[in-house]
Structure formats: C-alpha cells, structure tokens
Amino acid sequence: MSWHPQYRSSKFRHVYGKAASKDKCYDCVPITRNVHDNHFCAVNPSFIAVVTECAGGGAFLVIPIKQTGKLDPHYPKVCGHRGNVLDIKWNPFNDFVIASCSEDATVKIWDIPNQLLNRNITTPKKELLGHARRVGLIEWHPTAENILFSSGYDYKIMIWNLDVEDTIISKPVKILDCHRDVVLSMSFNTDGSLLATACRDRKIRVIDPRGGTVLQEGSYKSHKVNKVLFLGNMKKLFSTGTSCWNNRQIALWDQNDLSVPLLEEDLDGSSGLLFPVYDSDTHMLYVVGKGDGNIRYYEISPEKPYLNYLMEYRSHSPQKGIGMMPKRGLDVAACEIFRFYKLIPTKSLIEPVSMIVPRRSESYQEDIYPLTAAAQPALTAQEWLNGINKGPLLVSLRPGSEDVNSLPQFLEPEPLVKTTDLSRQQEGGGRMQEKQKPREIEDGRRRLKVEEKLPTNEQTCLSNGFGIFECPPPKTENELLQMYYRQQEEIRRLRELLIQRDVQIKQLELKLRNLCTDTGNY
C-alpha cells in the first residue's frame, strides 16, 4: 500500500484574504433589498455596477472604480426598467457596455459614457423583448462577440445576437426549451460550446446551445442543486446546494456522467446560498456564502481527491452579493490573484477583498500569473452561430505587455522563444536557414511591424482610454516604492525587447543573404 503525504505542495497554500481599508471602500451605497439569489454586482477594471433601491421601477448604479469613499446620495442612476433589476453583467469585451434584466420581462443593453455621470441614464442602447415572464439571469458568451443568453421564469433560455442595427430586438436567434422549471444558474465551458444549467427541478443539464439538445442530464436524491459551474477544461462540474437535512453542500461531477457525483461534502447548517467562483488560471475555486462573511477556497486537481481545501477568509460582516474583478484589473505588484467586492447592506458598504499570495519580492511573479483571457473576442457572433468553436484570446498580465495568443480548445500557452534560443539558432542555424521560403521572410517582417506598434498600444492600455481614471500620484512611501519597482520592471522588459529585435533583424539579414545566394546559383 503506497503512502500518501498528509500535506501537498502548492504555491497557493498560504493565500490569504485582505479587506481594503475604509478609505478604499464604497460607502453610503443604497444596496438593493431584493431577496433574489443573484450577485447584484458586476465589476470591470473601469467601473463597479451595483443594483440599488429605487422607487417606481428598477435601477442600478455605475461608479468609477477609482471613486472610493462616500457616495453622493443624489448620484445618477441607470433607471430604464419598470420592475426590479434582477441581474447585471458587463460585456467582457467592452468595459463601457452593460446588460441588465428585470421583473418587467425585458433585457436592456446600456452604453456607459467614459466620463462621470451627471444625470440619470434612461434610454438603453438596445432592448430585448421575448420573455413572457420576468428575466432572472443573463450571461455573455465567453469568446464570441455580442452573443447574450437570458433565462426567464417562463422556463426558457434565449440566445440573442446583438450584431444587428435594430434598437428593439423581439426575436432571439435560438430558444432553449428543455427545462420544466425555473433555471437557477447558467455556466459556460472555456470556449462556450457547452452550457451547464441548474434547475429548480433539482436537475443539472449539459446543453449544446446551438443545437438545443441536452447532452447530459442528472440529479442526485441527496443533493438539491442551486448553482452549477464549469471547471474550465477539466471536464468537471461543481455545484452548490443543500442536502436532505438542509445542510449547505458542495458536489463535484464528471460532465460526461451526471448520475453520481465524484465528491459530495456538507459544509455547515446555515441557510444562505453558496456562490461558486472558479479561477481557471490558478485552478482555485472560491465558495462565497450569502448571509455570512466567509469565503472558502480550494485548489482543484485532475486526480483524486480532486478538491483540496486551502483556507477560509472570515469576516463579521455578512455579504448579500458579490462582485469579481477580471484578472486584467488586479494589482500584480502586490501578488493579488483575485479580488472580490462584498455587498454589505447593513452598512450600505461595498468592501473589496483581495486574495494575495505572500511573496517578499515586489517584481512580477510569472509563476502565479499565467496567460489569462484578454478583453478581445476570439469570434464574431455569426462565426459562433455557424458552428465555429475557439478558445479565448490570451494576454500576459506583465505590466505593459500586449502578447496575445489565440488557442482553439486548450489554454496551454505555447512556449515563448527566448533570446538565448535565438542566439543558438543564429550560431548553429547555418545552412538550415537557406531552406527558408520568401513567405517566411514576409512573416518575419510582419512580426517586426507588429512589435513596432507595441509602445502606442501600451500607452493606450495604461491610460484605459481616458484621463479621468489615471492613477493618482503616490501619497505614501509604500506607493512610491511600488511605482519605482514597476518602472524598473518596465525598463528591464524594454531592454529584453530591444535585444530580441536586434537578434530578429540579424536573422532576417541572414535569410535575405541566403536567399540571394540561392537565386544566384539558379
């Protein structure tokens, strides 16, 4: 019998949660009192949106991410719905477009201006009319542009193509009518080719959204599911719910066999919902409890025991909802790998909580920041509707980096060519490079042109497209040191880029010389 160590090695074993100081929270925010089981908050690197209380209809606030502190009680709202707003989601490829759904059975798409709001926004960019009853869930497609999914209390999931000029869209491109009760949760796999749903009839379904067919369907008598989540490309599903004894429960499933869960575990006897959040870059799973202040986090592995408990962030302030910052908005200098925004209605407060890997060095830690999903679509809406699948475009979180890769299925990045490898190719490549074709030389020239455009792209990325949200000058010694280290890291990166360019220029010159020699022999 083989011996297994009690403790496993992991770079995320000592991750801890750190709540922001009071001056970096959002105070006096009138958070909604609605009892619907949703996040009620959506975050991107530019804005934070939160559903709020509003008389005579539904509304939500859109606050610039840098505008912390007390909120003006007369701050403008986005208030075009006739019923309570139940869900809001930012467009993953446009930080200035947000979707909302409501009890008035409509879905609305809003354009948010890139300056501070000075009046209420009441006219949506688009209005989607198709559901017969209130709409409780919306989800953007993870890789295709302008594809939106909505789920209503008419038991239908509708797929909308927003690439049309009409302001009012009344006909979805596809209706999924395979549920017999209200859909409680929706989740996509990495490339958006599969949709997992949790339904009030206690069943989990894996659906082909374009074909409208149910690929897998299952339920378990001792697990009443509330939320379901795809675990990236691991071909597994994670669900939260309650046991037959009304204990809060988590379960892990094989997406190809939903008859029996791979793992089932009772957590506690609280009555609040559990929101699962998965980070496919670090393979970390966060379980956020509604009605309590705890955030449990685990590490997912492909082999047994699959779910490895790491730690728990505890707080005395119970959260009603939660928002998650995309990876491109994190502070990599502080080794921040995730950030939550807790909605605390008892204090009218939104509190950021950062998940941090303790490291002494303040330089960029490449081992905890693999390539992550970029803010650019991999497919157009029509390409996805025609049956094309493609994984998300990937971008490095290194400050100033613009390296983007497109992978069709898996998020395994190709190894980058290092300067030493290029030097070896130059020394020992000799006559091998004589076989290069003119087309490959053209590809090299095109690559150089792309790299020459990088500085302008970096400037655009750093300024976020507008000046009002630029980072303020450092106020403390710690902030000054962080800015200094970032500048040193940028200088080092630029030096590496110059060296790579010099090597590539010499390679191209050698290819041209070999090509001229070959044509002279003929």
Protein backbone atom coordinates (compact mmCIF):
# COMPACT_ATOMS: atom_id res chain seq x y z
CA MET A 1 0.00 0.00 0.00
CA SER A 2 1.52 3.31 -1.10
CA TRP A 3 1.94 6.08 1.41
CA HIS A 4 0.46 9.49 0.59
CA PRO A 5 1.79 12.58 2.39
CA GLN A 6 -0.70 14.43 4.54
CA TYR A 7 0.28 17.80 3.08
CA ARG A 8 0.63 18.56 -0.61
CA SER A 9 2.94 21.09 -2.17
CA SER A 10 1.17 24.11 -3.64
CA LYS A 11 2.20 27.69 -4.39
CA PHE A 12 -1.31 28.80 -3.30
CA ARG A 13 -1.30 27.00 0.04
CA HIS A 14 -0.76 30.22 2.01
CA VAL A 15 -3.12 32.52 0.08
CA TYR A 16 -4.90 34.89 2.45
CA GLY A 17 -7.74 37.39 2.14
CA LYS A 18 -7.14 41.06 2.88
CA ALA A 19 -10.02 43.51 3.23
CA ALA A 20 -9.47 47.04 1.93
CA SER A 21 -9.16 49.95 4.31
CA LYS A 22 -12.23 52.13 4.87
CA ASP A 23 -11.00 54.88 2.52
CA LYS A 24 -10.78 52.34 -0.33
CA CYS A 25 -14.34 51.06 0.18
CA TYR A 26 -17.54 52.43 -1.35
CA ASP A 27 -19.67 53.90 1.43
CA CYS A 28 -23.30 55.11 1.61
CA VAL A 29 -24.34 52.90 -1.33
CA PRO A 30 -28.11 52.10 -1.23
CA ILE A 31 -27.79 48.35 -1.95
CA THR A 32 -30.98 46.58 -3.05
CA ARG A 33 -33.14 44.73 -0.52
CA ASN A 34 -34.35 42.25 -3.15
CA VAL A 35 -34.23 38.62 -2.00
CA HIS A 36 -33.46 37.19 -5.45
CA ASP A 37 -30.45 34.81 -5.39
CA ASN A 38 -28.01 36.71 -7.60
CA HIS A 39 -24.74 38.58 -7.25
CA PHE A 40 -26.33 42.07 -7.64
CA CYS A 41 -22.87 43.40 -8.51
CA ALA A 42 -20.69 43.48 -11.63
CA VAL A 43 -17.11 44.75 -11.84
CA ASN A 44 -14.57 45.53 -14.56
CA PRO A 45 -11.28 47.47 -14.47
CA SER A 46 -13.13 50.76 -15.11
CA PHE A 47 -16.44 50.58 -13.24
CA ILE A 48 -18.35 48.85 -10.49
CA ALA A 49 -22.09 48.40 -11.01
CA VAL A 50 -24.49 47.53 -8.17
CA VAL A 51 -28.26 47.04 -8.09
CA THR A 52 -29.85 49.67 -5.86
CA GLU A 53 -33.14 50.61 -4.29
CA CYS A 54 -35.36 52.76 -6.47
CA ALA A 55 -38.98 53.87 -6.20
CA GLY A 56 -41.25 53.21 -9.17
CA GLY A 57 -39.07 50.72 -11.06
CA GLY A 58 -35.63 49.18 -11.09
CA ALA A 59 -32.23 50.85 -11.20
CA PHE A 60 -28.54 50.26 -10.70
CA LEU A 61 -25.53 52.45 -10.01
CA VAL A 62 -22.38 52.62 -12.14
CA ILE A 63 -19.45 54.01 -10.14
CA PRO A 64 -15.91 54.61 -11.48
CA ILE A 65 -13.61 52.04 -9.91
CA LYS A 66 -11.29 54.76 -8.55
CA GLN A 67 -14.11 56.76 -6.95
CA THR A 68 -13.99 55.28 -3.45
CA GLY A 69 -15.29 56.82 -0.25
CA LYS A 70 -18.74 58.19 0.43
CA LEU A 71 -21.19 58.23 -2.45
CA ASP A 72 -23.29 61.31 -3.14
CA PRO A 73 -26.93 60.48 -2.22
CA HIS A 74 -28.01 62.15 -5.48
CA TYR A 75 -25.55 60.19 -7.61
CA PRO A 76 -27.10 59.46 -11.07
CA LYS A 77 -28.56 56.03 -11.74
CA VAL A 78 -29.26 53.81 -14.73
CA CYS A 79 -33.02 53.55 -14.41
CA GLY A 80 -34.91 52.43 -17.50
CA HIS A 81 -36.64 49.29 -16.17
CA ARG A 82 -40.25 49.28 -14.97
CA GLY A 83 -39.59 46.46 -12.48
CA ASN A 84 -36.84 45.47 -10.06
CA VAL A 85 -33.46 44.74 -11.67
CA LEU A 86 -32.53 41.10 -11.01
CA ASP A 87 -29.15 40.69 -12.72
CA ILE A 88 -26.44 42.83 -14.33
CA LYS A 89 -23.37 41.75 -16.35
CA TRP A 90 -20.60 43.76 -18.03
CA ASN A 91 -19.69 42.93 -21.61
CA PRO A 92 -16.38 41.01 -21.27
CA PHE A 93 -15.02 42.70 -24.43
CA ASN A 94 -16.19 46.29 -23.82
CA ASP A 95 -15.82 47.98 -20.44
CA PHE A 96 -18.47 50.56 -21.37
CA VAL A 97 -21.37 48.22 -22.22
CA ILE A 98 -23.51 46.51 -19.57
CA ALA A 99 -26.59 44.29 -19.79
CA SER A 100 -29.43 44.17 -17.24
CA CYS A 101 -32.57 42.09 -16.81
CA SER A 102 -35.66 42.78 -14.76
CA GLU A 103 -39.02 41.73 -13.45
CA ASP A 104 -40.58 43.65 -16.36
CA ALA A 105 -39.62 40.68 -18.63
CA THR A 106 -37.06 42.70 -20.62
CA VAL A 107 -33.32 42.68 -21.13
CA LYS A 108 -31.64 46.02 -21.83
CA ILE A 109 -28.17 46.87 -23.12
CA TRP A 110 -26.67 50.16 -21.91
CA ASP A 111 -23.82 52.35 -23.13
CA ILE A 112 -21.93 53.93 -20.22
CA PRO A 113 -20.10 57.19 -21.04
CA ASN A 114 -16.38 57.42 -20.35
CA GLN A 115 -16.79 60.46 -18.13
CA LEU A 116 -18.50 60.93 -14.78
CA LEU A 117 -22.29 60.66 -14.92
CA ASN A 118 -24.09 63.94 -14.33
CA ARG A 119 -27.67 62.76 -14.96
CA ASN A 120 -29.71 59.56 -14.94
CA ILE A 121 -29.46 57.22 -17.93
CA THR A 122 -32.97 56.20 -19.00
CA THR A 123 -32.60 55.25 -22.69
CA PRO A 124 -30.97 51.88 -23.43
CA LYS A 125 -28.82 51.14 -26.45
CA LYS A 126 -30.88 48.00 -27.19
CA GLU A 127 -33.97 46.39 -25.72
CA LEU A 128 -34.60 42.64 -25.96
CA LEU A 129 -38.26 41.58 -25.85
CA GLY A 130 -39.06 37.88 -25.94
CA HIS A 131 -39.70 36.50 -22.48
CA ALA A 132 -43.27 36.15 -21.26
CA ARG A 133 -42.34 36.42 -17.56
CA ARG A 134 -39.61 38.09 -15.53
CA VAL A 135 -35.99 37.52 -16.55
CA GLY A 136 -33.77 36.30 -13.72
CA LEU A 137 -30.39 35.51 -15.32
CA ILE A 138 -28.17 36.85 -18.11
CA GLU A 139 -24.76 35.65 -19.32
CA TRP A 140 -22.43 36.93 -22.04
CA HIS A 141 -20.74 34.35 -24.24
CA PRO A 142 -17.09 33.97 -23.13
CA THR A 143 -15.43 34.07 -26.58
CA ALA A 144 -17.97 35.30 -29.18
CA GLU A 145 -18.73 38.99 -29.53
CA ASN A 146 -22.27 40.30 -28.89
CA ILE A 147 -23.86 36.95 -28.00
CA LEU A 148 -26.05 37.16 -24.89
CA PHE A 149 -28.00 34.42 -23.08
CA SER A 150 -31.05 35.22 -20.95
CA SER A 151 -33.16 32.96 -18.75
CA GLY A 152 -36.67 33.78 -17.54
CA TYR A 153 -39.41 32.46 -15.32
CA ASP A 154 -41.13 31.18 -18.47
CA TYR A 155 -38.58 28.28 -18.21
CA LYS A 156 -36.88 29.33 -21.47
CA ILE A 157 -33.29 30.29 -22.26
CA MET A 158 -32.99 32.71 -25.18
CA ILE A 159 -29.89 33.39 -27.26
CA TRP A 160 -29.61 36.94 -28.64
CA ASN A 161 -27.39 38.27 -31.41
CA LEU A 162 -26.69 41.94 -30.72
CA ASP A 163 -24.86 42.44 -34.04
CA VAL A 164 -28.00 43.96 -35.56
CA GLU A 165 -28.83 47.61 -36.03
CA ASP A 166 -32.33 47.38 -34.54
CA THR A 167 -32.81 49.15 -31.23
CA ILE A 168 -35.63 46.80 -30.22
CA ILE A 169 -35.00 43.09 -30.83
CA SER A 170 -38.03 40.86 -30.37
CA LYS A 171 -36.80 37.65 -31.99
CA PRO A 172 -33.91 35.66 -30.46
CA VAL A 173 -31.72 33.55 -32.74
CA LYS A 174 -32.41 30.44 -30.64
CA ILE A 175 -34.75 29.37 -27.83
CA LEU A 176 -33.74 26.51 -25.50
CA ASP A 177 -36.97 24.98 -24.26
CA CYS A 178 -35.73 21.91 -22.38
CA HIS A 179 -36.40 22.91 -18.75
CA ARG A 180 -39.54 22.12 -16.78
CA ASP A 181 -38.98 24.70 -14.06
CA VAL A 182 -37.06 27.92 -13.35
CA VAL A 183 -33.37 27.94 -14.29
CA LEU A 184 -31.33 28.89 -11.22
CA SER A 185 -27.85 29.05 -12.72
CA MET A 186 -26.02 29.08 -16.08
CA SER A 187 -22.34 28.45 -16.80
CA PHE A 188 -20.23 28.10 -19.97
CA ASN A 189 -17.20 25.93 -20.58
CA THR A 190 -14.00 27.65 -21.70
CA ASP A 191 -14.79 28.02 -25.42
CA GLY A 192 -18.54 28.50 -24.94
CA SER A 193 -19.52 25.35 -26.86
CA LEU A 194 -21.38 23.86 -23.86
CA LEU A 195 -23.82 25.34 -21.36
CA ALA A 196 -24.46 23.86 -17.90
CA THR A 197 -27.68 24.75 -16.08
CA ALA A 198 -29.10 24.12 -12.63
CA CYS A 199 -32.89 23.98 -12.47
CA ARG A 200 -35.44 24.12 -9.68
CA ASP A 201 -36.48 20.56 -10.60
CA ARG A 202 -33.16 19.50 -8.93
CA LYS A 203 -31.57 18.51 -12.24
CA ILE A 204 -28.22 19.53 -13.73
CA ARG A 205 -28.12 19.65 -17.53
CA VAL A 206 -25.27 19.99 -20.02
CA ILE A 207 -26.65 21.52 -23.21
CA ASP A 208 -25.37 22.15 -26.72
CA PRO A 209 -26.66 25.74 -27.02
CA ARG A 210 -26.60 25.93 -30.83
CA GLY A 211 -28.26 22.55 -31.38
CA GLY A 212 -30.62 22.92 -28.44
CA THR A 213 -30.02 19.32 -27.36
CA VAL A 214 -29.46 18.07 -23.82
CA LEU A 215 -26.18 16.09 -23.84
CA GLN A 216 -26.26 15.08 -20.18
CA GLU A 217 -28.94 15.27 -17.51
CA GLY A 218 -28.77 14.09 -13.94
CA SER A 219 -29.86 14.59 -10.36
CA TYR A 220 -28.97 13.05 -7.04
CA LYS A 221 -31.51 12.39 -4.33
CA SER A 222 -29.34 13.75 -1.51
CA HIS A 223 -28.26 16.94 -3.33
CA LYS A 224 -30.68 19.76 -4.14
CA VAL A 225 -28.69 21.90 -6.56
CA ASN A 226 -28.80 25.73 -6.58
CA LYS A 227 -25.71 26.83 -8.52
CA VAL A 228 -23.58 24.99 -11.07
CA LEU A 229 -20.22 25.89 -12.58
CA PHE A 230 -17.96 24.55 -15.32
CA LEU A 231 -14.40 24.00 -14.04
CA GLY A 232 -12.56 25.26 -17.13
CA ASN A 233 -11.23 22.49 -19.37
CA MET A 234 -11.12 19.84 -16.64
CA LYS A 235 -14.37 18.25 -17.92
CA LYS A 236 -15.88 18.59 -14.48
CA LEU A 237 -18.81 20.48 -12.97
CA PHE A 238 -19.05 21.94 -9.49
CA SER A 239 -22.38 22.56 -7.81
CA THR A 240 -23.60 24.04 -4.55
CA GLY A 241 -26.92 23.32 -2.89
CA THR A 242 -28.48 21.69 0.14
CA SER A 243 -28.63 18.15 1.47
CA CYS A 244 -31.74 16.27 2.53
CA TRP A 245 -31.03 17.55 6.07
CA ASN A 246 -30.91 21.18 4.80
CA ASN A 247 -27.16 21.46 5.32
CA ARG A 248 -25.22 23.56 2.83
CA GLN A 249 -23.49 21.17 0.47
CA ILE A 250 -20.98 21.11 -2.40
CA ALA A 251 -20.60 18.43 -5.06
CA LEU A 252 -18.22 17.64 -7.92
CA TRP A 253 -19.42 15.95 -11.13
CA ASP A 254 -17.99 14.39 -14.27
CA GLN A 255 -19.56 16.37 -17.14
CA ASN A 256 -19.93 13.13 -19.15
CA ASP A 257 -21.70 11.25 -16.36
CA LEU A 258 -24.11 13.10 -14.08
CA SER A 259 -25.63 10.01 -12.48
CA VAL A 260 -23.48 10.07 -9.32
CA PRO A 261 -21.23 12.91 -8.06
CA LEU A 262 -17.49 12.29 -7.84
CA LEU A 263 -17.45 14.04 -4.47
CA GLU A 264 -20.09 15.29 -2.05
CA GLU A 265 -19.44 17.24 1.14
CA ASP A 266 -21.61 19.01 3.72
CA LEU A 267 -20.21 22.37 4.85
CA ASP A 268 -22.46 23.76 7.61
CA GLY A 269 -26.05 24.23 8.69
CA SER A 270 -26.50 27.84 7.58
CA SER A 271 -29.43 28.72 5.35
CA GLY A 272 -27.74 31.15 2.95
CA LEU A 273 -26.90 30.32 -0.64
CA LEU A 274 -23.36 29.40 -1.74
CA PHE A 275 -21.92 31.21 -4.78
CA PRO A 276 -19.13 29.23 -6.52
CA VAL A 277 -16.41 31.15 -8.38
CA TYR A 278 -13.66 29.41 -10.37
CA ASP A 279 -10.33 30.87 -11.49
CA SER A 280 -9.16 28.70 -14.40
CA ASP A 281 -5.69 30.34 -14.42
CA THR A 282 -4.74 29.24 -10.91
CA HIS A 283 -7.24 26.30 -10.67
CA MET A 284 -8.58 27.82 -7.47
CA LEU A 285 -12.24 27.54 -6.51
CA TYR A 286 -13.89 30.07 -4.19
CA VAL A 287 -17.15 29.37 -2.36
CA VAL A 288 -18.82 32.56 -1.13
CA GLY A 289 -21.61 32.28 1.42
CA LYS A 290 -24.63 34.55 1.16
CA GLY A 291 -25.74 35.81 4.55
CA ASP A 292 -22.37 35.20 6.19
CA GLY A 293 -18.95 36.80 5.84
CA ASN A 294 -16.95 33.69 4.88
CA ILE A 295 -15.14 32.86 1.65
CA ARG A 296 -13.79 29.31 1.47
CA TYR A 297 -11.22 28.50 -1.17
CA TYR A 298 -9.94 25.25 -2.63
CA GLU A 299 -7.48 24.07 -5.24
CA ILE A 300 -8.77 21.78 -8.00
CA SER A 301 -6.65 18.87 -9.23
CA PRO A 302 -7.43 16.44 -12.09
CA GLU A 303 -6.82 13.35 -9.90
CA LYS A 304 -8.31 12.30 -6.59
CA PRO A 305 -9.13 13.80 -4.17
CA TYR A 306 -9.98 16.49 -6.82
CA LEU A 307 -10.87 19.15 -4.21
CA ASN A 308 -8.09 20.32 -1.87
CA TYR A 309 -9.13 22.67 0.90
CA LEU A 310 -6.75 25.62 1.36
CA MET A 311 -8.18 28.12 3.83
CA GLU A 312 -11.15 30.29 4.72
CA TYR A 313 -11.48 34.06 4.82
CA ARG A 314 -13.68 35.05 7.76
CA SER A 315 -15.46 38.32 8.40
CA HIS A 316 -18.13 39.52 10.82
CA SER A 317 -19.89 41.49 8.06
CA PRO A 318 -22.36 39.29 6.13
CA GLN A 319 -22.49 39.77 2.36
CA LYS A 320 -25.71 39.90 0.35
CA GLY A 321 -23.98 39.73 -3.03
CA ILE A 322 -20.55 39.60 -4.56
CA GLY A 323 -18.65 41.07 -7.50
CA MET A 324 -15.48 39.71 -9.11
CA MET A 325 -12.76 41.78 -10.76
CA PRO A 326 -11.44 40.32 -14.05
CA LYS A 327 -7.81 39.22 -13.89
CA ARG A 328 -6.65 42.15 -16.06
CA GLY A 329 -7.72 44.56 -13.30
CA LEU A 330 -5.64 43.03 -10.49
CA ASP A 331 -2.62 44.56 -8.77
CA VAL A 332 0.17 42.20 -9.83
CA ALA A 333 2.77 44.21 -7.89
CA ALA A 334 1.04 43.15 -4.65
CA CYS A 335 0.78 39.47 -5.81
CA GLU A 336 -3.02 39.79 -5.89
CA ILE A 337 -4.53 36.75 -7.65
CA PHE A 338 -8.24 37.54 -7.16
CA ARG A 339 -10.44 40.34 -5.87
CA PHE A 340 -13.98 40.23 -4.54
CA TYR A 341 -16.34 43.13 -3.89
CA LYS A 342 -18.63 42.31 -0.96
CA LEU A 343 -22.06 43.95 -0.77
CA ILE A 344 -22.84 44.68 2.90
CA PRO A 345 -26.37 46.20 3.02
CA THR A 346 -26.39 46.55 6.83
CA LYS A 347 -23.62 49.14 6.49
CA SER A 348 -24.51 50.38 2.94
CA LEU A 349 -20.94 49.43 2.10
CA ILE A 350 -19.08 47.75 -0.76
CA GLU A 351 -15.85 46.25 0.57
CA PRO A 352 -13.06 44.98 -1.71
CA VAL A 353 -11.34 41.80 -0.51
CA SER A 354 -8.04 40.86 -2.17
CA MET A 355 -6.73 37.31 -2.28
CA ILE A 356 -2.93 37.57 -2.01
CA VAL A 357 -0.06 35.13 -2.38
CA PRO A 358 2.56 36.11 0.22
CA ARG A 359 5.81 36.90 -1.59
CA ARG A 360 8.69 39.09 -0.46
CA SER A 361 9.65 40.28 -3.90
CA GLU A 362 7.56 43.05 -5.47
CA SER A 363 8.65 42.22 -9.02
CA TYR A 364 6.32 40.43 -11.44
CA GLN A 365 5.73 36.80 -10.33
CA GLU A 366 5.29 34.90 -13.58
CA ASP A 367 4.57 31.54 -11.94
CA ILE A 368 1.31 32.75 -10.35
CA TYR A 369 0.18 34.79 -13.37
CA PRO A 370 -0.16 32.52 -16.42
CA LEU A 371 -1.65 33.87 -19.62
CA THR A 372 -5.25 34.88 -19.00
CA ALA A 373 -8.32 35.73 -21.07
CA ALA A 374 -7.99 39.05 -22.89
CA ALA A 375 -10.65 41.71 -23.40
CA GLN A 376 -10.96 40.90 -27.11
CA PRO A 377 -13.35 38.41 -28.71
CA ALA A 378 -12.00 35.34 -30.46
CA LEU A 379 -15.07 35.01 -32.71
CA THR A 380 -17.76 37.17 -34.27
CA ALA A 381 -21.36 36.40 -33.40
CA GLN A 382 -22.04 34.94 -36.83
CA GLU A 383 -18.97 32.69 -36.73
CA TRP A 384 -20.12 31.18 -33.44
CA LEU A 385 -23.69 30.74 -34.72
CA ASN A 386 -22.26 28.96 -37.79
CA GLY A 387 -20.70 26.32 -35.52
CA ILE A 388 -17.11 27.53 -35.03
CA ASN A 389 -15.53 26.97 -31.60
CA LYS A 390 -12.50 28.88 -30.43
CA GLY A 391 -10.90 29.39 -27.04
CA PRO A 392 -10.38 32.87 -25.61
CA LEU A 393 -7.53 35.11 -26.72
CA LEU A 394 -4.81 35.12 -24.08
CA VAL A 395 -2.82 38.03 -22.71
CA SER A 396 0.03 38.34 -20.25
CA LEU A 397 -0.56 40.28 -17.03
CA ARG A 398 3.02 41.57 -17.05
CA PRO A 399 2.78 45.40 -16.86
CA GLY A 400 2.87 46.88 -20.37
CA SER A 401 2.62 43.51 -22.10
CA GLU A 402 0.43 43.06 -25.17
CA ASP A 403 1.26 39.44 -26.08
CA VAL A 404 -2.00 37.80 -27.17
CA ASN A 405 -2.37 34.18 -28.30
CA SER A 406 -5.42 32.50 -29.76
CA LEU A 407 -5.89 28.83 -28.97
CA PRO A 408 -8.84 26.83 -30.33
CA GLN A 409 -9.51 24.45 -27.44
CA PHE A 410 -6.96 24.42 -24.62
CA LEU A 411 -5.47 27.21 -22.56
CA GLU A 412 -1.94 25.77 -22.63
CA PRO A 413 0.24 28.65 -23.89
CA GLU A 414 2.97 27.95 -26.40
CA PRO A 415 6.50 28.42 -25.00
CA LEU A 416 7.91 31.83 -25.78
CA VAL A 417 11.13 31.95 -27.78
CA LYS A 418 13.87 33.26 -25.54
CA THR A 419 16.85 35.38 -26.56
CA THR A 420 19.30 32.56 -25.80
CA ASP A 421 17.41 30.22 -28.11
CA LEU A 422 17.53 32.81 -30.88
CA SER A 423 21.27 33.21 -30.41
CA ARG A 424 21.80 29.45 -30.71
CA GLN A 425 19.74 29.43 -33.88
CA GLN A 426 21.90 32.22 -35.28
CA GLU A 427 25.14 30.40 -34.42
CA GLY A 428 24.22 26.86 -35.43
CA GLY A 429 21.42 27.53 -37.89
CA GLY A 430 23.92 27.83 -40.78
CA ARG A 431 22.60 26.19 -43.90
CA MET A 432 19.27 25.23 -42.29
CA GLN A 433 18.10 28.79 -42.85
CA GLU A 434 18.90 28.52 -46.54
CA LYS A 435 15.73 26.43 -46.89
CA GLN A 436 13.52 29.21 -45.63
CA LYS A 437 10.96 30.45 -48.13
CA PRO A 438 10.29 34.07 -49.09
CA ARG A 439 6.87 33.78 -47.45
CA GLU A 440 8.52 33.11 -44.07
CA ILE A 441 10.64 36.24 -44.53
CA GLU A 442 7.48 38.21 -45.11
CA ASP A 443 6.03 36.75 -41.90
CA GLY A 444 9.14 37.92 -40.03
CA ARG A 445 8.79 41.44 -41.42
CA ARG A 446 5.14 41.49 -40.45
CA ARG A 447 6.05 40.39 -36.91
CA LEU A 448 8.53 43.23 -36.63
CA LYS A 449 5.89 45.72 -37.75
CA VAL A 450 3.51 44.45 -35.06
CA GLU A 451 6.21 44.83 -32.39
CA GLU A 452 6.95 48.37 -33.54
CA LYS A 453 3.35 49.27 -32.78
CA LEU A 454 3.57 47.96 -29.21
CA PRO A 455 4.55 51.23 -27.45
CA THR A 456 1.42 53.04 -28.65
CA ASN A 457 -0.74 50.11 -27.56
CA GLU A 458 0.94 50.07 -24.17
CA GLN A 459 0.23 53.74 -23.67
CA THR A 460 -3.41 53.20 -24.57
CA CYS A 461 -3.67 50.23 -22.22
CA LEU A 462 -2.10 52.09 -19.31
CA SER A 463 -4.39 55.09 -19.62
CA ASN A 464 -7.55 52.98 -20.06
CA GLY A 465 -8.60 55.21 -22.96
CA PHE A 466 -9.44 58.28 -20.88
CA GLY A 467 -7.67 60.54 -18.43
CA ILE A 468 -10.11 60.76 -15.55
CA PHE A 469 -9.27 57.29 -14.16
CA GLU A 470 -5.47 57.62 -14.39
CA CYS A 471 -3.57 56.53 -11.32
CA PRO A 472 -3.05 59.44 -8.88
CA PRO A 473 0.49 60.41 -7.82
CA PRO A 474 1.89 58.37 -4.90
CA LYS A 475 0.88 59.67 -1.48
CA THR A 476 2.84 57.31 0.79
CA GLU A 477 6.33 55.88 0.83
CA ASN A 478 4.98 52.39 0.07
CA GLU A 479 3.13 53.62 -3.05
CA LEU A 480 6.27 55.45 -4.18
CA LEU A 481 8.32 52.25 -3.80
CA GLN A 482 5.74 50.25 -5.74
CA MET A 483 5.83 52.78 -8.58
CA TYR A 484 9.64 52.66 -8.58
CA TYR A 485 9.66 48.84 -8.83
CA ARG A 486 7.14 48.96 -11.65
CA GLN A 487 9.33 51.40 -13.57
CA GLN A 488 12.39 49.18 -13.03
CA GLU A 489 10.43 46.18 -14.31
CA GLU A 490 9.31 48.15 -17.37
CA ILE A 491 12.90 49.21 -18.14
CA ARG A 492 14.07 45.59 -17.89
CA ARG A 493 11.27 44.43 -20.18
CA LEU A 494 12.08 47.09 -22.78
CA ARG A 495 15.75 46.07 -22.76
CA GLU A 496 14.75 42.47 -23.43
CA LEU A 497 12.50 43.63 -26.27
CA LEU A 498 15.37 45.60 -27.85
CA ILE A 499 17.68 42.57 -27.65
CA GLN A 500 15.05 40.37 -29.29
CA ARG A 501 14.58 42.90 -32.08
CA ASP A 502 18.32 43.05 -32.77
CA VAL A 503 18.50 39.27 -32.97
CA GLN A 504 15.48 39.11 -35.29
CA ILE A 505 16.98 41.79 -37.57
CA LYS A 506 20.22 39.78 -37.83
CA GLN A 507 18.21 36.65 -38.58
CA LEU A 508 16.30 38.39 -41.37
CA GLU A 509 19.53 39.74 -42.85
CA LEU A 510 20.98 36.22 -42.86
CA LYS A 511 17.83 34.84 -44.52
CA LEU A 512 17.99 37.52 -47.22
CA ARG A 513 21.69 36.78 -47.85
CA ASN A 514 20.98 33.06 -48.16
CA LEU A 515 18.04 33.74 -50.46
CA CYS A 516 20.16 35.94 -52.74
CA THR A 517 22.84 33.22 -52.84
CA ASP A 518 20.28 30.56 -53.81
CA THR A 519 18.79 32.69 -56.61
CA GLY A 520 22.33 33.43 -57.92
CA ASN A 521 23.09 29.68 -58.16
CA TYR A 522 20.00 29.15 -60.27
